[in-house]
Amino acid sequence: MSEEIKRESAYHEITKEIQDLLNHNTKLLELWNSLTPTQRNEWICYTIMPKKQETKDKRLERLQEDMLKGKKTPCCWPGCPHRRESAKKWFK
């Protein structure tokens, strides 16, 4: 029986692209499920923030590479601005 993807996040819904990555890599799925909701949210936000698809694709690759190396959040990422009350005015 395959493991279920933990979808709980601090703000964002998990994307289809991340679900596809997790469904094709058991080790990545185990790592994803071991993250806290806030850590999962940071990865989701990190991959959806860019406007260009090319950048989104690179970030999805980096998510996979970095998590498999043991990183729990994106390196050099200031964090999800959507969770901060002061930044919400910039995002709809």
Protein backbone atom coordinates (compact mmCIF):
# COMPACT_ATOMS: atom_id res chain seq x y z
CA MET A 1 0.00 0.00 0.00
CA SER A 2 1.43 3.36 -0.95
CA GLU A 3 1.81 6.16 1.54
CA GLU A 4 -0.64 9.07 1.39
CA ILE A 5 0.64 12.57 0.66
CA LYS A 6 0.31 14.91 3.62
CA ARG A 7 -1.49 17.94 2.25
CA GLU A 8 -1.65 20.04 5.39
CA SER A 9 0.18 23.32 4.96
CA ALA A 10 0.30 26.61 6.84
CA TYR A 11 -1.27 28.54 3.95
CA HIS A 12 -1.02 27.09 0.43
CA GLU A 13 -2.65 24.06 -1.16
CA ILE A 14 -0.27 21.46 -2.55
CA THR A 15 0.11 21.79 -6.32
CA LYS A 16 -0.41 19.07 -8.92
CA GLU A 17 3.26 19.39 -9.91
CA ILE A 18 4.46 18.66 -6.37
CA GLN A 19 1.97 15.80 -6.06
CA ASP A 20 3.33 14.29 -9.28
CA LEU A 21 6.91 14.55 -7.97
CA LEU A 22 5.94 12.86 -4.71
CA ASN A 23 3.95 10.11 -6.43
CA HIS A 24 7.00 9.17 -8.52
CA ASN A 25 9.58 9.16 -5.73
CA THR A 26 8.91 7.15 -2.56
CA LYS A 27 11.90 8.59 -0.67
CA LEU A 28 10.81 12.15 -1.50
CA LEU A 29 7.28 11.33 -0.33
CA GLU A 30 8.61 10.03 3.01
CA LEU A 31 10.66 13.20 3.45
CA TRP A 32 7.70 15.41 2.51
CA ASN A 33 5.47 13.69 5.02
CA SER A 34 8.07 14.19 7.76
CA LEU A 35 7.98 17.99 7.30
CA THR A 36 5.91 20.30 9.45
CA PRO A 37 2.97 22.13 7.84
CA THR A 38 5.04 25.33 7.82
CA GLN A 39 7.98 23.62 6.11
CA ARG A 40 5.66 22.13 3.47
CA ASN A 41 4.15 25.56 2.96
CA GLU A 42 7.58 27.10 2.33
CA TRP A 43 8.32 24.58 -0.42
CA ILE A 44 4.89 25.08 -2.00
CA CYS A 45 5.22 28.85 -1.96
CA TYR A 46 8.79 28.67 -3.25
CA THR A 47 7.61 26.74 -6.31
CA ILE A 48 4.51 28.84 -7.11
CA MET A 49 5.88 32.36 -6.64
CA PRO A 50 7.78 32.71 -9.96
CA LYS A 51 5.86 34.06 -12.93
CA LYS A 52 7.84 32.18 -15.60
CA GLN A 53 7.17 28.48 -16.04
CA GLU A 54 10.88 27.94 -16.66
CA THR A 55 11.69 29.25 -13.18
CA LYS A 56 8.90 27.20 -11.60
CA ASP A 57 10.31 24.08 -13.26
CA LYS A 58 13.82 24.84 -11.95
CA ARG A 59 12.43 25.29 -8.45
CA LEU A 60 10.59 21.98 -8.63
CA GLU A 61 13.88 20.31 -9.58
CA ARG A 62 15.60 22.08 -6.71
CA LEU A 63 12.87 21.00 -4.29
CA GLN A 64 13.57 17.39 -5.19
CA GLU A 65 17.36 17.72 -5.10
CA ASP A 66 17.50 19.71 -1.87
CA MET A 67 15.00 17.56 0.02
CA LEU A 68 16.86 14.39 -0.98
CA LYS A 69 20.01 16.03 0.42
CA GLY A 70 18.20 16.56 3.73
CA LYS A 71 17.09 20.19 3.48
CA LYS A 72 13.75 20.93 5.07
CA THR A 73 13.18 24.40 3.62
CA PRO A 74 14.41 26.26 0.54
CA CYS A 75 17.86 27.74 1.04
CA CYS A 76 18.18 31.51 0.79
CA TRP A 77 14.39 31.91 0.72
CA PRO A 78 13.01 34.73 2.89
CA GLY A 79 9.89 32.73 3.57
CA CYS A 80 6.31 32.74 2.39
CA PRO A 81 5.10 36.33 2.27
CA HIS A 82 1.48 35.21 2.15
CA ARG A 83 1.48 34.28 5.84
CA ARG A 84 2.65 37.70 7.00
CA GLU A 85 -0.17 40.15 7.70
CA SER A 86 1.96 43.09 6.54
CA ALA A 87 2.57 41.47 3.13
CA LYS A 88 -0.96 40.31 2.39
CA LYS A 89 -1.85 43.58 0.67
CA TRP A 90 0.57 42.65 -2.15
CA PHE A 91 -1.08 39.31 -2.93
CA LYS A 92 -4.59 38.53 -3.99
